[in-house]
Amino acid sequence: MVKWTDKERSAVNAVWEKIDIDEIGQQLIPRVLIVYPWTERYFGTFGDIFTVSAVLNNPKVAAHGKVVLNALAKAVKNMDNIKATYASLSRLHYEKLHVDPDNFRLLADCITIEIACKLRSDMDPQIQATWRKFLSAVVEAMSSQYY
């Protein structure tokens, strides 16, 4: 379990309050697929995602980013119990979707980049360090059901 100071809790919540799920969500999975093209294998039901143009214009790709951020909202609300919050989601990604757990870290990096691009100076080094600590806890929770 991760220990959070009041300042860290406030920082995570402050970042989260500034996030527009619709806007950042649309950009999140395209960034993952373009920067890490091998991740396309996990999105076989999304149709054509084999070119940058196809990724950027695929409504299923954009919609999935919103799903990811809505799931992240659960971690923000349950910072003291992120592992339990994501237990079933971790199990789904392990048992059914067969996602390599290292991809959760790659996704977390892309989330940080998208948020930093949006928040700019509001994402100072201290805030970014706290946000990365938070996302590290999420990545650990998402990897927790892997054997």
N, C-alpha and C. Protein backbone atom coordinates (compact mmCIF):
# COMPACT_ATOMS: atom_id res chain seq x y z
N MET A 1 0.84 -1.18 0.00
CA MET A 1 0.00 0.00 0.00
C MET A 1 0.89 1.25 0.00
N VAL A 2 0.49 2.21 -0.79
CA VAL A 2 1.23 3.45 -0.91
C VAL A 2 0.77 4.41 0.19
N LYS A 3 1.73 5.08 0.77
CA LYS A 3 1.42 6.11 1.77
C LYS A 3 1.37 7.46 1.07
N TRP A 4 0.34 8.23 1.37
CA TRP A 4 0.14 9.54 0.75
C TRP A 4 0.14 10.62 1.82
N THR A 5 0.85 11.68 1.56
CA THR A 5 0.77 12.84 2.44
C THR A 5 -0.46 13.65 2.02
N ASP A 6 -0.89 14.54 2.87
CA ASP A 6 -2.01 15.41 2.51
C ASP A 6 -1.67 16.26 1.29
N LYS A 7 -0.43 16.69 1.21
CA LYS A 7 0.02 17.49 0.07
C LYS A 7 -0.04 16.69 -1.24
N GLU A 8 0.35 15.42 -1.17
CA GLU A 8 0.30 14.56 -2.35
C GLU A 8 -1.15 14.31 -2.78
N ARG A 9 -2.01 14.04 -1.82
CA ARG A 9 -3.43 13.84 -2.13
C ARG A 9 -4.00 15.08 -2.82
N SER A 10 -3.68 16.23 -2.26
CA SER A 10 -4.16 17.49 -2.83
C SER A 10 -3.63 17.68 -4.25
N ALA A 11 -2.38 17.34 -4.46
CA ALA A 11 -1.77 17.51 -5.78
C ALA A 11 -2.43 16.60 -6.81
N VAL A 12 -2.65 15.35 -6.47
CA VAL A 12 -3.30 14.42 -7.39
C VAL A 12 -4.71 14.91 -7.71
N ASN A 13 -5.44 15.30 -6.70
CA ASN A 13 -6.80 15.80 -6.92
C ASN A 13 -6.81 17.09 -7.74
N ALA A 14 -5.85 17.96 -7.50
CA ALA A 14 -5.77 19.21 -8.26
C ALA A 14 -5.51 18.94 -9.74
N VAL A 15 -4.63 18.01 -10.03
CA VAL A 15 -4.37 17.64 -11.42
C VAL A 15 -5.64 17.05 -12.02
N TRP A 16 -6.25 16.12 -11.30
CA TRP A 16 -7.42 15.43 -11.83
C TRP A 16 -8.57 16.41 -12.12
N GLU A 17 -8.74 17.39 -11.28
CA GLU A 17 -9.82 18.37 -11.48
C GLU A 17 -9.64 19.17 -12.77
N LYS A 18 -8.42 19.25 -13.26
CA LYS A 18 -8.14 20.03 -14.47
C LYS A 18 -8.22 19.18 -15.74
N ILE A 19 -8.46 17.90 -15.59
CA ILE A 19 -8.47 17.00 -16.74
C ILE A 19 -9.84 16.99 -17.39
N ASP A 20 -9.86 17.23 -18.68
CA ASP A 20 -11.06 17.09 -19.49
C ASP A 20 -10.98 15.70 -20.13
N ILE A 21 -11.76 14.78 -19.59
CA ILE A 21 -11.70 13.39 -20.04
C ILE A 21 -11.99 13.28 -21.53
N ASP A 22 -12.94 14.04 -22.02
CA ASP A 22 -13.27 13.96 -23.45
C ASP A 22 -12.10 14.42 -24.32
N GLU A 23 -11.47 15.50 -23.93
CA GLU A 23 -10.37 16.04 -24.73
C GLU A 23 -9.11 15.16 -24.64
N ILE A 24 -8.66 14.91 -23.43
CA ILE A 24 -7.43 14.13 -23.26
C ILE A 24 -7.65 12.67 -23.63
N GLY A 25 -8.83 12.16 -23.35
CA GLY A 25 -9.15 10.77 -23.69
C GLY A 25 -9.02 10.50 -25.18
N GLN A 26 -9.45 11.45 -26.00
CA GLN A 26 -9.37 11.28 -27.46
C GLN A 26 -7.93 11.22 -27.95
N GLN A 27 -7.01 11.81 -27.20
CA GLN A 27 -5.62 11.87 -27.62
C GLN A 27 -4.75 10.77 -27.01
N LEU A 28 -5.25 10.14 -25.98
CA LEU A 28 -4.44 9.22 -25.20
C LEU A 28 -4.06 7.94 -25.96
N ILE A 29 -5.04 7.18 -26.38
CA ILE A 29 -4.74 5.90 -27.04
C ILE A 29 -4.09 6.12 -28.41
N PRO A 30 -4.47 7.16 -29.17
CA PRO A 30 -3.69 7.42 -30.38
C PRO A 30 -2.20 7.61 -30.09
N ARG A 31 -1.87 8.33 -29.01
CA ARG A 31 -0.46 8.51 -28.66
C ARG A 31 0.19 7.15 -28.38
N VAL A 32 -0.48 6.31 -27.63
CA VAL A 32 0.06 4.98 -27.32
C VAL A 32 0.31 4.20 -28.60
N LEU A 33 -0.69 4.16 -29.48
CA LEU A 33 -0.58 3.36 -30.69
C LEU A 33 0.46 3.90 -31.67
N ILE A 34 0.64 5.20 -31.70
CA ILE A 34 1.61 5.78 -32.63
C ILE A 34 3.03 5.66 -32.09
N VAL A 35 3.20 5.91 -30.81
CA VAL A 35 4.54 5.84 -30.21
C VAL A 35 4.99 4.40 -29.99
N TYR A 36 4.04 3.54 -29.63
CA TYR A 36 4.33 2.13 -29.37
C TYR A 36 3.46 1.27 -30.29
N PRO A 37 3.79 1.21 -31.57
CA PRO A 37 2.90 0.56 -32.54
C PRO A 37 2.63 -0.93 -32.27
N TRP A 38 3.49 -1.60 -31.56
CA TRP A 38 3.25 -3.02 -31.27
C TRP A 38 2.03 -3.22 -30.36
N THR A 39 1.57 -2.16 -29.72
CA THR A 39 0.40 -2.30 -28.84
C THR A 39 -0.89 -2.47 -29.64
N GLU A 40 -0.83 -2.28 -30.94
CA GLU A 40 -2.04 -2.44 -31.76
C GLU A 40 -2.60 -3.86 -31.64
N ARG A 41 -1.78 -4.82 -31.29
CA ARG A 41 -2.25 -6.21 -31.19
C ARG A 41 -3.32 -6.38 -30.12
N TYR A 42 -3.41 -5.45 -29.18
CA TYR A 42 -4.42 -5.55 -28.13
C TYR A 42 -5.75 -4.92 -28.54
N PHE A 43 -5.79 -4.33 -29.72
CA PHE A 43 -6.98 -3.62 -30.17
C PHE A 43 -7.51 -4.19 -31.48
N GLY A 44 -7.49 -5.50 -31.59
CA GLY A 44 -7.90 -6.18 -32.81
C GLY A 44 -9.33 -5.91 -33.24
N THR A 45 -10.19 -5.57 -32.30
CA THR A 45 -11.59 -5.32 -32.64
C THR A 45 -11.84 -3.87 -33.06
N PHE A 46 -10.80 -3.06 -33.11
CA PHE A 46 -10.97 -1.64 -33.42
C PHE A 46 -10.90 -1.34 -34.91
N GLY A 47 -10.71 -2.34 -35.74
CA GLY A 47 -10.63 -2.11 -37.19
C GLY A 47 -9.24 -1.66 -37.60
N ASP A 48 -9.20 -0.83 -38.64
CA ASP A 48 -7.94 -0.38 -39.21
C ASP A 48 -7.25 0.62 -38.28
N ILE A 49 -6.13 0.19 -37.74
CA ILE A 49 -5.30 1.08 -36.91
C ILE A 49 -3.83 0.90 -37.30
N PHE A 50 -3.60 0.72 -38.58
CA PHE A 50 -2.26 0.38 -39.06
C PHE A 50 -1.48 1.56 -39.62
N THR A 51 -2.11 2.72 -39.69
CA THR A 51 -1.42 3.93 -40.11
C THR A 51 -1.76 5.05 -39.12
N VAL A 52 -0.95 6.08 -39.10
CA VAL A 52 -1.21 7.21 -38.20
C VAL A 52 -2.57 7.81 -38.50
N SER A 53 -2.88 7.98 -39.76
CA SER A 53 -4.16 8.57 -40.15
C SER A 53 -5.33 7.70 -39.67
N ALA A 54 -5.20 6.40 -39.83
CA ALA A 54 -6.26 5.49 -39.40
C ALA A 54 -6.45 5.55 -37.89
N VAL A 55 -5.35 5.61 -37.15
CA VAL A 55 -5.42 5.69 -35.69
C VAL A 55 -6.12 6.98 -35.28
N LEU A 56 -5.70 8.10 -35.87
CA LEU A 56 -6.24 9.41 -35.49
C LEU A 56 -7.71 9.58 -35.85
N ASN A 57 -8.19 8.82 -36.82
CA ASN A 57 -9.57 8.96 -37.27
C ASN A 57 -10.47 7.80 -36.83
N ASN A 58 -9.97 6.96 -35.94
CA ASN A 58 -10.75 5.80 -35.51
C ASN A 58 -11.55 6.15 -34.25
N PRO A 59 -12.87 6.15 -34.33
CA PRO A 59 -13.69 6.52 -33.17
C PRO A 59 -13.56 5.55 -32.00
N LYS A 60 -13.28 4.29 -32.27
CA LYS A 60 -13.11 3.32 -31.18
C LYS A 60 -11.84 3.61 -30.39
N VAL A 61 -10.81 4.05 -31.07
CA VAL A 61 -9.55 4.42 -30.41
C VAL A 61 -9.79 5.61 -29.49
N ALA A 62 -10.45 6.63 -30.01
CA ALA A 62 -10.74 7.83 -29.21
C ALA A 62 -11.61 7.48 -28.01
N ALA A 63 -12.61 6.64 -28.23
CA ALA A 63 -13.52 6.26 -27.14
C ALA A 63 -12.81 5.48 -26.05
N HIS A 64 -11.86 4.64 -26.43
CA HIS A 64 -11.17 3.84 -25.41
C HIS A 64 -10.32 4.70 -24.48
N GLY A 65 -9.79 5.78 -24.99
CA GLY A 65 -9.04 6.70 -24.12
C GLY A 65 -9.93 7.25 -23.02
N LYS A 66 -11.17 7.52 -23.35
CA LYS A 66 -12.12 8.00 -22.34
C LYS A 66 -12.42 6.91 -21.32
N VAL A 67 -12.51 5.68 -21.78
CA VAL A 67 -12.73 4.54 -20.87
C VAL A 67 -11.57 4.44 -19.88
N VAL A 68 -10.35 4.56 -20.39
CA VAL A 68 -9.16 4.48 -19.54
C VAL A 68 -9.18 5.60 -18.49
N LEU A 69 -9.47 6.81 -18.92
CA LEU A 69 -9.47 7.93 -17.97
C LEU A 69 -10.62 7.82 -16.96
N ASN A 70 -11.77 7.31 -17.38
CA ASN A 70 -12.86 7.09 -16.43
C ASN A 70 -12.47 6.04 -15.40
N ALA A 71 -11.72 5.03 -15.82
CA ALA A 71 -11.22 4.04 -14.87
C ALA A 71 -10.20 4.66 -13.93
N LEU A 72 -9.40 5.58 -14.45
CA LEU A 72 -8.40 6.25 -13.62
C LEU A 72 -9.08 7.10 -12.54
N ALA A 73 -10.24 7.61 -12.84
CA ALA A 73 -11.00 8.39 -11.85
C ALA A 73 -11.28 7.56 -10.59
N LYS A 74 -11.45 6.27 -10.77
CA LYS A 74 -11.69 5.39 -9.61
C LYS A 74 -10.47 5.35 -8.69
N ALA A 75 -9.29 5.39 -9.28
CA ALA A 75 -8.07 5.40 -8.46
C ALA A 75 -7.93 6.71 -7.72
N VAL A 76 -8.29 7.81 -8.37
CA VAL A 76 -8.23 9.12 -7.71
C VAL A 76 -9.14 9.12 -6.49
N LYS A 77 -10.30 8.51 -6.63
CA LYS A 77 -11.28 8.48 -5.53
C LYS A 77 -10.92 7.47 -4.45
N ASN A 78 -10.07 6.50 -4.79
CA ASN A 78 -9.72 5.41 -3.86
C ASN A 78 -8.22 5.28 -3.70
N MET A 79 -7.55 6.39 -3.43
CA MET A 79 -6.09 6.39 -3.37
C MET A 79 -5.53 5.46 -2.30
N ASP A 80 -6.28 5.18 -1.27
CA ASP A 80 -5.79 4.30 -0.22
C ASP A 80 -5.99 2.83 -0.53
N ASN A 81 -6.69 2.53 -1.59
CA ASN A 81 -6.98 1.14 -1.90
C ASN A 81 -7.00 0.91 -3.41
N ILE A 82 -6.00 1.41 -4.09
CA ILE A 82 -5.95 1.31 -5.55
C ILE A 82 -5.87 -0.15 -5.99
N LYS A 83 -5.10 -0.94 -5.28
CA LYS A 83 -4.94 -2.35 -5.67
C LYS A 83 -6.27 -3.09 -5.66
N ALA A 84 -7.05 -2.94 -4.63
CA ALA A 84 -8.36 -3.59 -4.57
C ALA A 84 -9.31 -3.00 -5.61
N THR A 85 -9.21 -1.70 -5.83
CA THR A 85 -10.07 -1.03 -6.80
C THR A 85 -9.86 -1.62 -8.19
N TYR A 86 -8.64 -2.00 -8.51
CA TYR A 86 -8.33 -2.50 -9.85
C TYR A 86 -8.17 -4.03 -9.92
N ALA A 87 -8.48 -4.74 -8.89
CA ALA A 87 -8.27 -6.19 -8.89
C ALA A 87 -8.98 -6.88 -10.05
N SER A 88 -10.25 -6.60 -10.25
CA SER A 88 -10.98 -7.27 -11.32
C SER A 88 -10.51 -6.80 -12.70
N LEU A 89 -10.18 -5.54 -12.83
CA LEU A 89 -9.68 -5.01 -14.10
C LEU A 89 -8.31 -5.63 -14.43
N SER A 90 -7.48 -5.79 -13.42
CA SER A 90 -6.19 -6.44 -13.61
C SER A 90 -6.38 -7.89 -14.06
N ARG A 91 -7.29 -8.57 -13.41
CA ARG A 91 -7.57 -9.96 -13.76
C ARG A 91 -8.06 -10.06 -15.21
N LEU A 92 -8.95 -9.16 -15.61
CA LEU A 92 -9.45 -9.14 -16.99
C LEU A 92 -8.31 -8.97 -17.98
N HIS A 93 -7.42 -8.03 -17.72
CA HIS A 93 -6.30 -7.78 -18.63
C HIS A 93 -5.33 -8.95 -18.66
N TYR A 94 -5.21 -9.67 -17.57
CA TYR A 94 -4.31 -10.83 -17.52
C TYR A 94 -4.95 -12.06 -18.15
N GLU A 95 -6.13 -12.43 -17.66
CA GLU A 95 -6.74 -13.71 -18.05
C GLU A 95 -7.39 -13.70 -19.42
N LYS A 96 -8.07 -12.61 -19.76
CA LYS A 96 -8.83 -12.57 -21.00
C LYS A 96 -8.15 -11.81 -22.13
N LEU A 97 -7.60 -10.66 -21.81
CA LEU A 97 -7.03 -9.80 -22.84
C LEU A 97 -5.56 -10.08 -23.11
N HIS A 98 -4.90 -10.74 -22.15
CA HIS A 98 -3.49 -11.14 -22.29
C HIS A 98 -2.57 -9.95 -22.60
N VAL A 99 -2.78 -8.86 -21.89
CA VAL A 99 -1.97 -7.66 -22.08
C VAL A 99 -0.67 -7.80 -21.29
N ASP A 100 0.43 -7.56 -21.96
CA ASP A 100 1.73 -7.55 -21.29
C ASP A 100 1.70 -6.42 -20.26
N PRO A 101 1.98 -6.73 -18.99
CA PRO A 101 1.86 -5.70 -17.95
C PRO A 101 2.81 -4.51 -18.13
N ASP A 102 3.87 -4.67 -18.89
CA ASP A 102 4.75 -3.53 -19.14
C ASP A 102 4.03 -2.41 -19.90
N ASN A 103 2.97 -2.78 -20.62
CA ASN A 103 2.21 -1.78 -21.36
C ASN A 103 1.47 -0.81 -20.45
N PHE A 104 1.20 -1.20 -19.22
CA PHE A 104 0.56 -0.28 -18.27
C PHE A 104 1.50 0.89 -17.95
N ARG A 105 2.78 0.59 -17.87
CA ARG A 105 3.77 1.65 -17.64
C ARG A 105 3.85 2.58 -18.84
N LEU A 106 3.82 2.01 -20.03
CA LEU A 106 3.85 2.83 -21.25
C LEU A 106 2.61 3.73 -21.32
N LEU A 107 1.47 3.17 -20.96
CA LEU A 107 0.24 3.95 -20.94
C LEU A 107 0.33 5.07 -19.91
N ALA A 108 0.87 4.77 -18.74
CA ALA A 108 1.04 5.78 -17.69
C ALA A 108 1.93 6.92 -18.19
N ASP A 109 3.00 6.58 -18.91
CA ASP A 109 3.86 7.63 -19.47
C ASP A 109 3.09 8.51 -20.44
N CYS A 110 2.26 7.90 -21.27
CA CYS A 110 1.48 8.67 -22.23
C CYS A 110 0.43 9.53 -21.53
N ILE A 111 -0.15 9.02 -20.46
CA ILE A 111 -1.09 9.82 -19.68
C ILE A 111 -0.39 11.05 -19.13
N THR A 112 0.80 10.85 -18.57
CA THR A 112 1.56 11.97 -18.02
C THR A 112 1.88 13.00 -19.10
N ILE A 113 2.30 12.55 -20.26
CA ILE A 113 2.63 13.46 -21.35
C ILE A 113 1.41 14.25 -21.79
N GLU A 114 0.29 13.57 -21.97
CA GLU A 114 -0.93 14.26 -22.40
C GLU A 114 -1.36 15.31 -21.38
N ILE A 115 -1.29 14.96 -20.13
CA ILE A 115 -1.69 15.91 -19.08
C ILE A 115 -0.71 17.07 -19.00
N ALA A 116 0.57 16.77 -19.09
CA ALA A 116 1.58 17.84 -19.04
C ALA A 116 1.43 18.80 -20.22
N CYS A 117 1.11 18.26 -21.39
CA CYS A 117 0.89 19.13 -22.56
C CYS A 117 -0.30 20.05 -22.33
N LYS A 118 -1.28 19.57 -21.66
CA LYS A 118 -2.48 20.37 -21.40
C LYS A 118 -2.26 21.36 -20.26
N LEU A 119 -1.65 20.92 -19.18
CA LEU A 119 -1.51 21.77 -18.00
C LEU A 119 -0.30 22.69 -18.04
N ARG A 120 0.69 22.33 -18.84
CA ARG A 120 1.92 23.12 -19.00
C ARG A 120 2.55 23.51 -17.67
N SER A 121 2.57 24.79 -17.33
CA SER A 121 3.27 25.25 -16.13
C SER A 121 2.61 24.79 -14.83
N ASP A 122 1.34 24.39 -14.90
CA ASP A 122 0.69 23.86 -13.70
C ASP A 122 1.25 22.48 -13.32
N MET A 123 1.95 21.86 -14.25
CA MET A 123 2.54 20.54 -14.00
C MET A 123 4.03 20.75 -13.71
N ASP A 124 4.32 21.45 -12.60
CA ASP A 124 5.71 21.71 -12.24
C ASP A 124 6.39 20.40 -11.81
N PRO A 125 7.69 20.39 -11.62
CA PRO A 125 8.39 19.15 -11.30
C PRO A 125 7.85 18.43 -10.05
N GLN A 126 7.49 19.16 -9.03
CA GLN A 126 6.97 18.54 -7.81
C GLN A 126 5.61 17.87 -8.08
N ILE A 127 4.74 18.57 -8.79
CA ILE A 127 3.42 18.02 -9.13
C ILE A 127 3.61 16.80 -10.02
N GLN A 128 4.51 16.91 -10.99
CA GLN A 128 4.75 15.77 -11.88
C GLN A 128 5.28 14.57 -11.11
N ALA A 129 6.16 14.78 -10.17
CA ALA A 129 6.69 13.67 -9.37
C ALA A 129 5.57 12.99 -8.57
N THR A 130 4.69 13.78 -8.01
CA THR A 130 3.56 13.23 -7.26
C THR A 130 2.62 12.48 -8.19
N TRP A 131 2.34 13.06 -9.35
CA TRP A 131 1.47 12.41 -10.33
C TRP A 131 2.06 11.09 -10.78
N ARG A 132 3.36 11.06 -10.99
CA ARG A 132 4.03 9.81 -11.41
C ARG A 132 3.98 8.78 -10.29
N LYS A 133 4.10 9.21 -9.05
CA LYS A 133 3.95 8.30 -7.92
C LYS A 133 2.55 7.68 -7.94
N PHE A 134 1.56 8.51 -8.18
CA PHE A 134 0.19 8.03 -8.25
C PHE A 134 0.03 7.02 -9.39
N LEU A 135 0.52 7.37 -10.58
CA LEU A 135 0.39 6.44 -11.71
C LEU A 135 1.21 5.17 -11.50
N SER A 136 2.32 5.25 -10.79
CA SER A 136 3.08 4.04 -10.46
C SER A 136 2.25 3.11 -9.60
N ALA A 137 1.49 3.68 -8.67
CA ALA A 137 0.60 2.86 -7.84
C ALA A 137 -0.49 2.21 -8.70
N VAL A 138 -0.98 2.94 -9.67
CA VAL A 138 -1.99 2.39 -10.59
C VAL A 138 -1.38 1.26 -11.42
N VAL A 139 -0.20 1.48 -11.96
CA VAL A 139 0.48 0.45 -12.76
C VAL A 139 0.71 -0.80 -11.92
N GLU A 140 1.16 -0.61 -10.70
CA GLU A 140 1.37 -1.75 -9.80
C GLU A 140 0.05 -2.49 -9.55
N ALA A 141 -1.01 -1.76 -9.35
CA ALA A 141 -2.32 -2.39 -9.12
C ALA A 141 -2.79 -3.13 -10.36
N MET A 142 -2.60 -2.54 -11.53
CA MET A 142 -3.01 -3.21 -12.77
C MET A 142 -2.18 -4.46 -13.05
N SER A 143 -1.00 -4.53 -12.51
CA SER A 143 -0.13 -5.69 -12.69
C SER A 143 -0.30 -6.73 -11.58
N SER A 144 -1.08 -6.42 -10.59
CA SER A 144 -1.14 -7.24 -9.37
C SER A 144 -1.72 -8.64 -9.56
N GLN A 145 -2.54 -8.85 -10.55
CA GLN A 145 -3.16 -10.17 -10.74
C GLN A 145 -2.36 -11.08 -11.68
N TYR A 146 -1.25 -10.57 -12.17
CA TYR A 146 -0.38 -11.36 -13.04
C TYR A 146 0.45 -12.29 -12.17
N TYR A 147 0.68 -13.48 -12.65
CA TYR A 147 1.43 -14.46 -11.87
C TYR A 147 2.88 -14.47 -12.23
